[in-house]
Protein backbone atom coordinates (compact mmCIF):
# COMPACT_ATOMS: atom_id res chain seq x y z
CA MET A 1 4.71 -4.05 13.74
CA GLU A 2 5.71 -4.06 17.40
CA ALA A 3 8.07 -7.00 16.85
CA ASN A 4 10.01 -4.81 14.35
CA LYS A 5 9.81 -1.77 16.62
CA VAL A 6 7.76 0.17 14.03
CA GLU A 7 6.15 3.29 15.25
CA ILE A 8 2.64 3.84 13.80
CA LYS A 9 2.19 7.57 13.18
CA GLU A 10 -1.37 7.46 11.86
CA GLN A 11 -3.99 4.74 11.86
CA VAL A 12 -7.19 5.06 9.84
CA SER A 13 -10.27 3.11 10.89
CA ALA A 14 -11.45 0.41 8.48
CA SER A 15 -14.91 1.99 8.63
CA LYS A 16 -13.52 4.97 6.63
CA LYS A 17 -13.75 3.70 3.10
CA LEU A 18 -10.84 4.95 0.98
CA GLN A 19 -11.37 4.70 -2.77
CA ALA A 20 -9.59 5.31 -6.12
CA ASP A 21 -9.02 9.03 -5.53
CA ASP A 22 -7.45 8.29 -2.15
CA ALA A 23 -5.34 5.52 -3.65
CA ARG A 24 -4.11 7.86 -6.43
CA GLU A 25 -3.16 10.44 -3.78
CA LEU A 26 -1.03 7.82 -1.94
CA VAL A 27 0.63 6.65 -5.19
CA ASN A 28 1.55 10.26 -6.13
CA LYS A 29 3.47 10.60 -2.85
CA ALA A 30 5.31 7.25 -3.20
CA THR A 31 8.35 6.33 -5.30
CA ARG A 32 7.63 2.58 -5.02
CA VAL A 33 4.27 0.79 -4.71
CA VAL A 34 4.12 -2.88 -3.69
CA THR A 35 0.74 -4.63 -3.93
CA MET A 36 0.33 -8.04 -2.37
CA LYS A 37 -2.39 -10.65 -2.47
CA GLY A 38 -1.34 -13.94 -0.94
CA LYS A 39 1.90 -14.99 -2.62
CA LYS A 40 1.40 -12.67 -5.54
CA VAL A 41 3.56 -9.58 -5.16
CA VAL A 42 3.59 -6.81 -7.85
CA GLU A 43 5.74 -3.74 -7.75
CA PHE A 44 4.99 -0.45 -9.52
CA LYS A 45 6.71 2.92 -9.79
CA GLY A 46 4.98 5.61 -7.83
CA GLY A 47 4.82 9.36 -8.43
CA LYS A 48 2.64 11.53 -10.56
CA ASN A 49 3.33 9.46 -13.67
CA ALA A 50 2.39 6.15 -12.03
CA SER A 51 0.24 3.84 -14.13
CA ASP A 52 -3.43 3.40 -13.59
CA ASP A 53 -2.66 -0.33 -13.10
CA ALA A 54 -0.98 0.60 -9.80
CA VAL A 55 -4.17 2.24 -8.50
CA THR A 56 -6.34 -0.66 -9.82
CA ALA A 57 -4.12 -3.22 -8.05
CA MET A 58 -4.62 -1.33 -4.77
CA LEU A 59 -8.40 -1.62 -4.84
CA GLY A 60 -10.55 -4.56 -3.83
CA THR A 61 -13.63 -5.88 -5.57
CA THR A 62 -15.77 -3.25 -3.79
CA GLY A 63 -13.59 -0.40 -5.19
CA ASN A 64 -12.17 0.37 -1.75
CA LEU A 65 -8.48 0.52 -0.85
CA ARG A 66 -7.35 -2.97 0.28
CA ALA A 67 -6.06 -3.50 3.80
CA PRO A 68 -3.58 -3.40 5.31
CA THR A 69 -1.98 -0.39 3.68
CA ALA A 70 1.23 1.05 5.05
CA VAL A 71 3.45 3.92 4.04
CA VAL A 72 7.10 3.24 4.91
CA GLY A 73 9.20 6.19 3.89
CA LYS A 74 8.58 6.52 0.16
CA THR A 75 7.37 2.90 -0.17
CA LEU A 76 3.62 2.14 -0.26
CA LEU A 77 2.59 -1.37 0.78
CA VAL A 78 -0.93 -2.59 -0.03
CA GLY A 79 -2.13 -5.99 1.11
CA PHE A 80 0.03 -8.44 3.02
CA ASN A 81 2.84 -10.82 2.17
CA GLU A 82 5.21 -11.69 4.98
CA ASP A 83 8.33 -11.79 2.74
CA ALA A 84 7.62 -8.38 1.22
CA TYR A 85 7.01 -6.80 4.62
CA SER A 86 10.23 -8.43 5.95
CA GLU A 87 12.17 -6.86 3.08
CA VAL A 88 10.85 -3.34 3.71
CA PHE A 89 11.20 -3.48 7.47
CA ALA A 90 14.66 -5.11 7.47
């Protein structure tokens, strides 16, 4: 993040377990949701009419929100893929 001169406004400790309700709240505020797991990148529409698949894709096997999760404007990034991050932070 520092390399791209990104200012972190809020950081949540990993010990605070965010679950499906928290994920739904984040999706409702976003217009675009990008979930990433390795090379697999899936994009969903955000907002109040977002699909349940978007929320499911954001959760790990334990039912907790996957890390890292970043909100960049109206885009929600969940997981990590260098190409996807580069696109958003370009």
